[in-house]
Amino acid sequence: MSRNPFFRSARRKTLTIVGATAVLGALAVGGAVLIAPAVASAAPAAAPVDDVTSYNQRVQVRAALDTAKTAIADATAVNADVKSSGLDLGQARKLVDVTGLQSAHEVLSDAASDKGAVNTTLAVVVTDYSEKIESQVAEVRTNLNNAVAQKQAADAAAAQAAAAAQAAAEAQAAANTPDGARAAAQQIMASEYGWGDDQFQCLNSLWNKESGWDYQAYNPSGATGIPQALPGGKMASAGDDWETNAVTQVRWGLGYISSVYGTPCSAWGHSQATNWY
């Protein structure tokens, strides 16, 4: 007995509709990541539609498929960008899960390939799901951009701090030379004591004799640094860095001269007469 081809076509349409119905159910309960094959009894074939309605339905399905495809591509791209950045996004959304949308896209695509079966209800669900995925993509992209901006700001601050530290180290190194210490002494003498070039000449002669303006100078007697403080620890009153900073030693030495001798020239005169000051 021959079989009627109409019934074979009707059964294929029915199975497609049943599979799409299973996807709708899966998405409705939260977007299941895996969609099992539909297992259901055959249902009556869908009522025939006119050509215009069928065409419009297929346009709607195609648009839903394209929207889902774009959403999946956008999510894949942002996920890759997050991973390649190596940045920690903290408590913010880090990745977009598109497993459920991929499954829905596959089922809708299979349904669309059967010219006799059109499921606009599933197309609507897929479109809505795609929009949610795009919203998550935008959220993750914003989170990533914020993390990148924070990293750039932190890197810039670190670079600025490093540059400042380098500049300070270079300035310190320059100040720790005899010429640097002399320049610092002239500036401090003028700004804090009102002493001019004549007093500096006396100071220069005094400290040339004592240490050669070497901040690391040390005498077996215990006298230390440019002003030959005895003991060297006295200079801590001018700064904790007295052992490594010529300017700190100069500042202490000028204070000592001012309090004991009044001026560098008086201290130099005493040194010439007694061989110490």
C-alpha atoms as a PDB file:
ATOM      1  CA  MET A   1       0.000   0.000   0.000  1.00  0.00           C
ATOM      2  CA  SER A   2       1.556   3.349  -0.996  1.00  0.00           C
ATOM      3  CA  ARG A   3       1.903   6.177   1.552  1.00  0.00           C
ATOM      4  CA  ASN A   4       0.485   9.600   0.989  1.00  0.00           C
ATOM      5  CA  PRO A   5       3.414  12.125   0.702  1.00  0.00           C
ATOM      6  CA  PHE A   6       1.262  14.791   2.333  1.00  0.00           C
ATOM      7  CA  PHE A   7       1.278  12.876   5.622  1.00  0.00           C
ATOM      8  CA  ARG A   8       5.059  12.454   5.557  1.00  0.00           C
ATOM      9  CA  SER A   9       5.484  16.251   5.128  1.00  0.00           C
ATOM     10  CA  ALA A  10       2.973  16.985   7.870  1.00  0.00           C
ATOM     11  CA  ARG A  11       4.818  14.728  10.323  1.00  0.00           C
ATOM     12  CA  ARG A  12       8.177  16.507   9.574  1.00  0.00           C
ATOM     13  CA  LYS A  13       6.582  19.870  10.297  1.00  0.00           C
ATOM     14  CA  THR A  14       5.146  18.549  13.547  1.00  0.00           C
ATOM     15  CA  LEU A  15       8.495  17.270  14.834  1.00  0.00           C
ATOM     16  CA  THR A  16      10.171  20.584  14.045  1.00  0.00           C
ATOM     17  CA  ILE A  17       7.508  22.458  15.985  1.00  0.00           C
ATOM     18  CA  VAL A  18       7.832  20.089  18.938  1.00  0.00           C
ATOM     19  CA  GLY A  19      11.638  20.621  19.010  1.00  0.00           C
ATOM     20  CA  ALA A  20      11.211  24.389  18.953  1.00  0.00           C
ATOM     21  CA  THR A  21       8.663  24.103  21.760  1.00  0.00           C
ATOM     22  CA  ALA A  22      11.257  22.312  23.874  1.00  0.00           C
ATOM     23  CA  VAL A  23      13.683  25.204  23.300  1.00  0.00           C
ATOM     24  CA  LEU A  24      11.048  27.721  24.334  1.00  0.00           C
ATOM     25  CA  GLY A  25      10.543  25.815  27.547  1.00  0.00           C
ATOM     26  CA  ALA A  26      14.275  25.671  28.231  1.00  0.00           C
ATOM     27  CA  LEU A  27      14.771  29.386  27.657  1.00  0.00           C
ATOM     28  CA  ALA A  28      11.708  30.252  29.697  1.00  0.00           C
ATOM     29  CA  VAL A  29      13.224  28.667  32.808  1.00  0.00           C
ATOM     30  CA  GLY A  30      16.402  30.683  32.582  1.00  0.00           C
ATOM     31  CA  GLY A  31      18.189  30.009  29.327  1.00  0.00           C
ATOM     32  CA  ALA A  32      19.415  26.423  29.730  1.00  0.00           C
ATOM     33  CA  VAL A  33      22.949  25.938  28.511  1.00  0.00           C
ATOM     34  CA  LEU A  34      22.117  22.652  26.809  1.00  0.00           C
ATOM     35  CA  ILE A  35      18.894  21.849  24.976  1.00  0.00           C
ATOM     36  CA  ALA A  36      18.024  18.163  24.779  1.00  0.00           C
ATOM     37  CA  PRO A  37      16.441  16.743  21.604  1.00  0.00           C
ATOM     38  CA  ALA A  38      12.678  16.910  21.694  1.00  0.00           C
ATOM     39  CA  VAL A  39      10.938  13.658  22.443  1.00  0.00           C
ATOM     40  CA  ALA A  40       7.202  13.994  22.008  1.00  0.00           C
ATOM     41  CA  SER A  41       4.325  12.412  20.186  1.00  0.00           C
ATOM     42  CA  ALA A  42       3.252  13.791  16.863  1.00  0.00           C
ATOM     43  CA  ALA A  43       0.848  16.704  16.899  1.00  0.00           C
ATOM     44  CA  PRO A  44      -1.525  17.861  14.200  1.00  0.00           C
ATOM     45  CA  ALA A  45       0.121  19.773  11.398  1.00  0.00           C
ATOM     46  CA  ALA A  46       0.075  23.562  11.581  1.00  0.00           C
ATOM     47  CA  ALA A  47      -2.690  25.228   9.656  1.00  0.00           C
ATOM     48  CA  PRO A  48      -1.569  26.384   6.220  1.00  0.00           C
ATOM     49  CA  VAL A  49      -0.819  30.090   5.775  1.00  0.00           C
ATOM     50  CA  ASP A  50      -0.859  32.271   2.723  1.00  0.00           C
ATOM     51  CA  ASP A  51       2.337  33.119   0.870  1.00  0.00           C
ATOM     52  CA  VAL A  52       2.594  36.715   2.160  1.00  0.00           C
ATOM     53  CA  THR A  53       2.239  35.647   5.782  1.00  0.00           C
ATOM     54  CA  SER A  54       4.735  32.844   5.284  1.00  0.00           C
ATOM     55  CA  TYR A  55       7.206  35.243   3.710  1.00  0.00           C
ATOM     56  CA  ASN A  56       6.885  37.730   6.576  1.00  0.00           C
ATOM     57  CA  GLN A  57       7.334  34.970   9.117  1.00  0.00           C
ATOM     58  CA  ARG A  58      10.485  33.777   7.451  1.00  0.00           C
ATOM     59  CA  VAL A  59      11.827  37.327   7.363  1.00  0.00           C
ATOM     60  CA  GLN A  60      11.175  37.536  11.100  1.00  0.00           C
ATOM     61  CA  VAL A  61      12.968  34.236  11.714  1.00  0.00           C
ATOM     62  CA  ARG A  62      15.915  35.273   9.558  1.00  0.00           C
ATOM     63  CA  ALA A  63      16.184  38.567  11.428  1.00  0.00           C
ATOM     64  CA  ALA A  64      16.144  36.687  14.745  1.00  0.00           C
ATOM     65  CA  LEU A  65      18.908  34.388  13.519  1.00  0.00           C
ATOM     66  CA  ASP A  66      21.026  37.321  12.354  1.00  0.00           C
ATOM     67  CA  THR A  67      20.494  39.137  15.658  1.00  0.00           C
ATOM     68  CA  ALA A  68      21.530  36.051  17.616  1.00  0.00           C
ATOM     69  CA  LYS A  69      24.562  35.505  15.419  1.00  0.00           C
ATOM     70  CA  THR A  70      25.704  39.088  16.016  1.00  0.00           C
ATOM     71  CA  ALA A  71      25.135  38.805  19.768  1.00  0.00           C
ATOM     72  CA  ILE A  72      27.134  35.579  19.916  1.00  0.00           C
ATOM     73  CA  ALA A  73      29.984  37.165  17.932  1.00  0.00           C
ATOM     74  CA  ASP A  74      30.001  40.270  20.160  1.00  0.00           C
ATOM     75  CA  ALA A  75      30.022  38.149  23.312  1.00  0.00           C
ATOM     76  CA  THR A  76      32.837  35.981  21.982  1.00  0.00           C
ATOM     77  CA  ALA A  77      34.873  39.072  21.147  1.00  0.00           C
ATOM     78  CA  VAL A  78      34.454  40.742  24.540  1.00  0.00           C
ATOM     79  CA  ASN A  79      35.196  37.472  26.345  1.00  0.00           C
ATOM     80  CA  ALA A  80      38.419  37.164  24.359  1.00  0.00           C
ATOM     81  CA  ASP A  81      39.343  40.772  25.129  1.00  0.00           C
ATOM     82  CA  VAL A  82      38.811  40.228  28.859  1.00  0.00           C
ATOM     83  CA  LYS A  83      40.965  37.115  28.855  1.00  0.00           C
ATOM     84  CA  SER A  84      43.752  38.664  26.783  1.00  0.00           C
ATOM     85  CA  SER A  85      43.847  41.776  28.980  1.00  0.00           C
ATOM     86  CA  GLY A  86      44.838  39.740  32.007  1.00  0.00           C
ATOM     87  CA  LEU A  87      42.994  42.261  34.189  1.00  0.00           C
ATOM     88  CA  ASP A  88      40.944  41.462  37.257  1.00  0.00           C
ATOM     89  CA  LEU A  89      37.476  42.969  36.890  1.00  0.00           C
ATOM     90  CA  GLY A  90      36.788  42.414  40.594  1.00  0.00           C
ATOM     91  CA  GLN A  91      33.164  41.811  41.524  1.00  0.00           C
ATOM     92  CA  ALA A  92      31.860  43.142  38.203  1.00  0.00           C
ATOM     93  CA  ARG A  93      30.559  40.857  35.456  1.00  0.00           C
ATOM     94  CA  LYS A  94      33.587  39.348  33.742  1.00  0.00           C
ATOM     95  CA  LEU A  95      32.287  37.102  30.947  1.00  0.00           C
ATOM     96  CA  VAL A  96      29.122  36.547  28.902  1.00  0.00           C
ATOM     97  CA  ASP A  97      27.699  33.006  28.701  1.00  0.00           C
ATOM     98  CA  VAL A  98      26.191  32.412  25.252  1.00  0.00           C
ATOM     99  CA  THR A  99      25.745  28.639  25.473  1.00  0.00           C
ATOM    100  CA  GLY A 100      21.965  28.905  25.751  1.00  0.00           C
ATOM    101  CA  LEU A 101      21.684  31.376  22.897  1.00  0.00           C
ATOM    102  CA  GLN A 102      23.868  29.193  20.685  1.00  0.00           C
ATOM    103  CA  SER A 103      21.558  26.228  21.314  1.00  0.00           C
ATOM    104  CA  ALA A 104      18.459  28.317  20.600  1.00  0.00           C
ATOM    105  CA  HIS A 105      20.059  29.673  17.434  1.00  0.00           C
ATOM    106  CA  GLU A 106      20.809  26.140  16.283  1.00  0.00           C
ATOM    107  CA  VAL A 107      17.263  24.922  16.837  1.00  0.00           C
ATOM    108  CA  LEU A 108      15.721  27.956  15.146  1.00  0.00           C
ATOM    109  CA  SER A 109      18.134  27.605  12.256  1.00  0.00           C
ATOM    110  CA  ASP A 110      17.195  23.961  11.813  1.00  0.00           C
ATOM    111  CA  ALA A 111      13.531  24.910  11.871  1.00  0.00           C
ATOM    112  CA  ALA A 112      14.075  27.654   9.312  1.00  0.00           C
ATOM    113  CA  SER A 113      15.793  25.221   6.937  1.00  0.00           C
ATOM    114  CA  ASP A 114      12.522  23.289   6.690  1.00  0.00           C
ATOM    115  CA  LYS A 115      10.454  25.373   4.288  1.00  0.00           C
ATOM    116  CA  GLY A 116       7.297  23.898   5.679  1.00  0.00           C
ATOM    117  CA  ALA A 117       7.900  24.900   9.333  1.00  0.00           C
ATOM    118  CA  VAL A 118       8.034  28.453  10.705  1.00  0.00           C
ATOM    119  CA  ASN A 119       8.114  29.232  14.438  1.00  0.00           C
ATOM    120  CA  THR A 120       7.789  32.955  14.993  1.00  0.00           C
ATOM    121  CA  THR A 121       7.248  32.458  18.727  1.00  0.00           C
ATOM    122  CA  LEU A 122      10.734  30.975  19.055  1.00  0.00           C
ATOM    123  CA  ALA A 123      12.059  33.778  16.851  1.00  0.00           C
ATOM    124  CA  VAL A 124      10.679  36.350  19.301  1.00  0.00           C
ATOM    125  CA  VAL A 125      12.267  34.515  22.240  1.00  0.00           C
ATOM    126  CA  VAL A 126      15.617  34.286  20.456  1.00  0.00           C
ATOM    127  CA  THR A 127      15.496  37.994  19.626  1.00  0.00           C
ATOM    128  CA  ASP A 128      14.744  38.916  23.240  1.00  0.00           C
ATOM    129  CA  TYR A 129      17.497  36.603  24.466  1.00  0.00           C
ATOM    130  CA  SER A 130      19.922  38.162  21.993  1.00  0.00           C
ATOM    131  CA  GLU A 131      19.110  41.628  23.320  1.00  0.00           C
ATOM    132  CA  LYS A 132      19.860  40.446  26.871  1.00  0.00           C
ATOM    133  CA  ILE A 133      23.174  39.032  25.722  1.00  0.00           C
ATOM    134  CA  GLU A 134      24.045  42.326  24.002  1.00  0.00           C
ATOM    135  CA  SER A 135      23.209  44.149  27.246  1.00  0.00           C
ATOM    136  CA  GLN A 136      25.611  41.863  29.101  1.00  0.00           C
ATOM    137  CA  VAL A 137      28.225  42.450  26.418  1.00  0.00           C
ATOM    138  CA  ALA A 138      27.901  46.197  26.917  1.00  0.00           C
ATOM    139  CA  GLU A 139      28.208  45.738  30.687  1.00  0.00           C
ATOM    140  CA  VAL A 140      31.335  43.614  30.409  1.00  0.00           C
ATOM    141  CA  ARG A 141      32.834  45.995  27.850  1.00  0.00           C
ATOM    142  CA  THR A 142      32.273  48.902  30.246  1.00  0.00           C
ATOM    143  CA  ASN A 143      33.796  46.927  33.102  1.00  0.00           C
ATOM    144  CA  LEU A 144      36.802  46.067  30.963  1.00  0.00           C
ATOM    145  CA  ASN A 145      37.250  49.674  29.827  1.00  0.00           C
ATOM    146  CA  ASN A 146      37.113  50.820  33.449  1.00  0.00           C
ATOM    147  CA  ALA A 147      39.700  48.234  34.445  1.00  0.00           C
ATOM    148  CA  VAL A 148      41.952  49.292  31.563  1.00  0.00           C
ATOM    149  CA  ALA A 149      41.597  52.963  32.548  1.00  0.00           C
ATOM    150  CA  GLN A 150      42.434  52.139  36.169  1.00  0.00           C
ATOM    151  CA  LYS A 151      45.459  50.131  35.075  1.00  0.00           C
ATOM    152  CA  GLN A 152      46.637  52.961  32.837  1.00  0.00           C
ATOM    153  CA  ALA A 153      46.199  55.480  35.644  1.00  0.00           C
ATOM    154  CA  ALA A 154      48.083  53.233  38.051  1.00  0.00           C
ATOM    155  CA  ASP A 155      50.864  52.715  35.511  1.00  0.00           C
ATOM    156  CA  ALA A 156      51.079  56.461  34.882  1.00  0.00           C
ATOM    157  CA  ALA A 157      51.221  57.173  38.610  1.00  0.00           C
ATOM    158  CA  ALA A 158      53.894  54.533  39.077  1.00  0.00           C
ATOM    159  CA  ALA A 159      55.898  55.936  36.173  1.00  0.00           C
ATOM    160  CA  GLN A 160      55.558  59.459  37.578  1.00  0.00           C
ATOM    161  CA  ALA A 161      56.654  58.274  41.015  1.00  0.00           C
ATOM    162  CA  ALA A 162      59.585  56.423  39.496  1.00  0.00           C
ATOM    163  CA  ALA A 163      60.588  59.510  37.514  1.00  0.00           C
ATOM    164  CA  ALA A 164      60.338  61.669  40.631  1.00  0.00           C
ATOM    165  CA  ALA A 165      62.398  59.163  42.592  1.00  0.00           C
ATOM    166  CA  GLN A 166      64.965  59.080  39.817  1.00  0.00           C
ATOM    167  CA  ALA A 167      65.115  62.875  39.699  1.00  0.00           C
ATOM    168  CA  ALA A 168      65.491  63.024  43.469  1.00  0.00           C
ATOM    169  CA  ALA A 169      68.247  60.412  43.358  1.00  0.00           C
ATOM    170  CA  GLU A 170      70.065  62.334  40.648  1.00  0.00           C
ATOM    171  CA  ALA A 171      69.690  65.592  42.579  1.00  0.00           C
ATOM    172  CA  GLN A 172      70.955  63.868  45.711  1.00  0.00           C
ATOM    173  CA  ALA A 173      73.904  62.418  43.845  1.00  0.00           C
ATOM    174  CA  ALA A 174      74.736  65.862  42.456  1.00  0.00           C
ATOM    175  CA  ALA A 175      74.419  67.468  45.906  1.00  0.00           C
ATOM    176  CA  ASN A 176      76.730  64.832  47.383  1.00  0.00           C
ATOM    177  CA  THR A 177      79.626  65.968  45.208  1.00  0.00           C
ATOM    178  CA  PRO A 178      81.971  68.641  46.614  1.00  0.00           C
ATOM    179  CA  ASP A 179      80.692  71.206  44.109  1.00  0.00           C
ATOM    180  CA  GLY A 180      77.089  70.284  44.880  1.00  0.00           C
ATOM    181  CA  ALA A 181      77.708  70.654  48.619  1.00  0.00           C
ATOM    182  CA  ARG A 182      79.367  74.049  48.071  1.00  0.00           C
ATOM    183  CA  ALA A 183      76.384  75.256  46.001  1.00  0.00           C
ATOM    184  CA  ALA A 184      73.969  74.090  48.712  1.00  0.00           C
ATOM    185  CA  ALA A 185      76.051  75.833  51.394  1.00  0.00           C
ATOM    186  CA  GLN A 186      76.021  79.146  49.487  1.00  0.00           C
ATOM    187  CA  GLN A 187      72.249  78.981  49.066  1.00  0.00           C
ATOM    188  CA  ILE A 188      71.589  78.137  52.728  1.00  0.00           C
ATOM    189  CA  MET A 189      74.055  80.764  53.962  1.00  0.00           C
ATOM    190  CA  ALA A 190      72.345  83.482  51.943  1.00  0.00           C
ATOM    191  CA  SER A 191      68.719  82.485  52.598  1.00  0.00           C
ATOM    192  CA  GLU A 192      68.925  81.454  56.260  1.00  0.00           C
ATOM    193  CA  TYR A 193      71.878  83.433  57.705  1.00  0.00           C
ATOM    194  CA  GLY A 194      72.292  86.414  55.411  1.00  0.00           C
ATOM    195  CA  TRP A 195      75.959  85.624  54.826  1.00  0.00           C
ATOM    196  CA  GLY A 196      77.541  86.718  51.562  1.00  0.00           C
ATOM    197  CA  ASP A 197      80.453  85.663  49.401  1.00  0.00           C
ATOM    198  CA  ASP A 198      83.081  86.815  51.892  1.00  0.00           C
ATOM    199  CA  GLN A 199      81.750  84.429  54.507  1.00  0.00           C
ATOM    200  CA  PHE A 200      81.518  81.665  51.949  1.00  0.00           C
ATOM    201  CA  GLN A 201      85.185  82.074  51.112  1.00  0.00           C
ATOM    202  CA  CYS A 202      86.015  81.523  54.780  1.00  0.00           C
ATOM    203  CA  LEU A 203      83.705  78.530  54.956  1.00  0.00           C
ATOM    204  CA  ASN A 204      85.192  77.079  51.799  1.00  0.00           C
ATOM    205  CA  SER A 205      88.698  77.358  53.235  1.00  0.00           C
ATOM    206  CA  LEU A 206      87.592  75.827  56.550  1.00  0.00           C
ATOM    207  CA  TRP A 207      85.849  72.795  55.094  1.00  0.00           C
ATOM    208  CA  ASN A 208      88.468  72.287  52.403  1.00  0.00           C
ATOM    209  CA  LYS A 209      90.900  71.849  55.282  1.00  0.00           C
ATOM    210  CA  GLU A 210      88.571  69.671  57.373  1.00  0.00           C
ATOM    211  CA  SER A 211      87.141  67.272  54.792  1.00  0.00           C
ATOM    212  CA  GLY A 212      87.600  68.511  51.250  1.00  0.00           C
ATOM    213  CA  TRP A 213      83.775  68.811  51.212  1.00  0.00           C
ATOM    214  CA  ASP A 214      83.513  65.007  51.185  1.00  0.00           C
ATOM    215  CA  TYR A 215      80.345  63.873  52.933  1.00  0.00           C
ATOM    216  CA  GLN A 216      81.934  60.468  53.527  1.00  0.00           C
ATOM    217  CA  ALA A 217      85.071  61.872  55.168  1.00  0.00           C
ATOM    218  CA  TYR A 218      86.003  60.154  58.415  1.00  0.00           C
ATOM    219  CA  ASN A 219      88.789  60.837  60.910  1.00  0.00           C
ATOM    220  CA  PRO A 220      90.130  58.168  63.281  1.00  0.00           C
ATOM    221  CA  SER A 221      89.163  60.513  66.104  1.00  0.00           C
ATOM    222  CA  GLY A 222      85.537  59.919  65.138  1.00  0.00           C
ATOM    223  CA  ALA A 223      85.047  63.252  63.385  1.00  0.00           C
ATOM    224  CA  THR A 224      82.672  62.658  60.453  1.00  0.00           C
ATOM    225  CA  GLY A 225      81.438  64.250  57.255  1.00  0.00           C
ATOM    226  CA  ILE A 226      81.918  67.639  55.655  1.00  0.00           C
ATOM    227  CA  PRO A 227      81.902  69.656  58.922  1.00  0.00           C
ATOM    228  CA  GLN A 228      83.795  66.876  60.779  1.00  0.00           C
ATOM    229  CA  ALA A 229      81.211  66.594  63.530  1.00  0.00           C
ATOM    230  CA  LEU A 230      82.484  64.768  66.586  1.00  0.00           C
ATOM    231  CA  PRO A 231      80.820  62.355  66.964  1.00  0.00           C
ATOM    232  CA  GLY A 232      79.076  62.151  63.627  1.00  0.00           C
ATOM    233  CA  GLY A 233      75.779  61.232  65.266  1.00  0.00           C
ATOM    234  CA  LYS A 234      75.388  64.872  66.351  1.00  0.00           C
ATOM    235  CA  MET A 235      74.276  65.655  62.810  1.00  0.00           C
ATOM    236  CA  ALA A 236      71.098  63.599  63.316  1.00  0.00           C
ATOM    237  CA  SER A 237      69.582  66.777  64.773  1.00  0.00           C
ATOM    238  CA  ALA A 238      69.564  68.142  61.212  1.00  0.00           C
ATOM    239  CA  GLY A 239      68.102  64.994  59.630  1.00  0.00           C
ATOM    240  CA  ASP A 240      68.004  61.224  59.889  1.00  0.00           C
ATOM    241  CA  ASP A 241      69.821  60.984  56.558  1.00  0.00           C
ATOM    242  CA  TRP A 242      72.952  62.716  57.851  1.00  0.00           C
ATOM    243  CA  GLU A 243      75.136  59.756  56.844  1.00  0.00           C
ATOM    244  CA  THR A 244      74.103  59.860  53.180  1.00  0.00           C
ATOM    245  CA  ASN A 245      73.063  63.458  52.538  1.00  0.00           C
ATOM    246  CA  ALA A 246      75.685  66.171  52.127  1.00  0.00           C
ATOM    247  CA  VAL A 247      73.049  68.914  52.417  1.00  0.00           C
ATOM    248  CA  THR A 248      72.010  67.646  55.853  1.00  0.00           C
ATOM    249  CA  GLN A 249      75.659  67.770  56.956  1.00  0.00           C
ATOM    250  CA  VAL A 250      76.053  71.282  55.545  1.00  0.00           C
ATOM    251  CA  ARG A 251      72.927  72.455  57.331  1.00  0.00           C
ATOM    252  CA  TRP A 252      74.143  71.066  60.642  1.00  0.00           C
ATOM    253  CA  GLY A 253      77.637  72.503  60.129  1.00  0.00           C
ATOM    254  CA  LEU A 254      76.350  76.001  59.435  1.00  0.00           C
ATOM    255  CA  GLY A 255      74.151  75.841  62.519  1.00  0.00           C
ATOM    256  CA  TYR A 256      77.122  74.758  64.620  1.00  0.00           C
ATOM    257  CA  ILE A 257      79.324  77.582  63.290  1.00  0.00           C
ATOM    258  CA  SER A 258      76.570  80.160  63.865  1.00  0.00           C
ATOM    259  CA  SER A 259      75.951  79.074  67.458  1.00  0.00           C
ATOM    260  CA  VAL A 260      79.616  78.671  68.494  1.00  0.00           C
ATOM    261  CA  TYR A 261      81.531  81.215  66.402  1.00  0.00           C
ATOM    262  CA  GLY A 262      78.915  83.536  64.972  1.00  0.00           C
ATOM    263  CA  THR A 263      80.261  83.474  61.416  1.00  0.00           C
ATOM    264  CA  PRO A 264      82.315  81.206  59.151  1.00  0.00           C
ATOM    265  CA  CYS A 265      85.165  83.730  59.114  1.00  0.00           C
ATOM    266  CA  SER A 266      85.377  83.611  62.919  1.00  0.00           C
ATOM    267  CA  ALA A 267      85.429  79.825  62.784  1.00  0.00           C
ATOM    268  CA  TRP A 268      88.129  79.915  60.109  1.00  0.00           C
ATOM    269  CA  GLY A 269      90.220  82.284  62.206  1.00  0.00           C
ATOM    270  CA  HIS A 270      89.952  79.944  65.191  1.00  0.00           C
ATOM    271  CA  SER A 271      90.941  76.972  63.024  1.00  0.00           C
ATOM    272  CA  GLN A 272      94.023  78.795  61.746  1.00  0.00           C
ATOM    273  CA  ALA A 273      95.078  79.641  65.298  1.00  0.00           C
ATOM    274  CA  THR A 274      94.402  76.270  66.959  1.00  0.00           C
ATOM    275  CA  ASN A 275      94.176  73.797  64.062  1.00  0.00           C
ATOM    276  CA  TRP A 276      90.618  72.857  65.063  1.00  0.00           C
ATOM    277  CA  TYR A 277      87.232  74.543  65.362  1.00  0.00           C
END
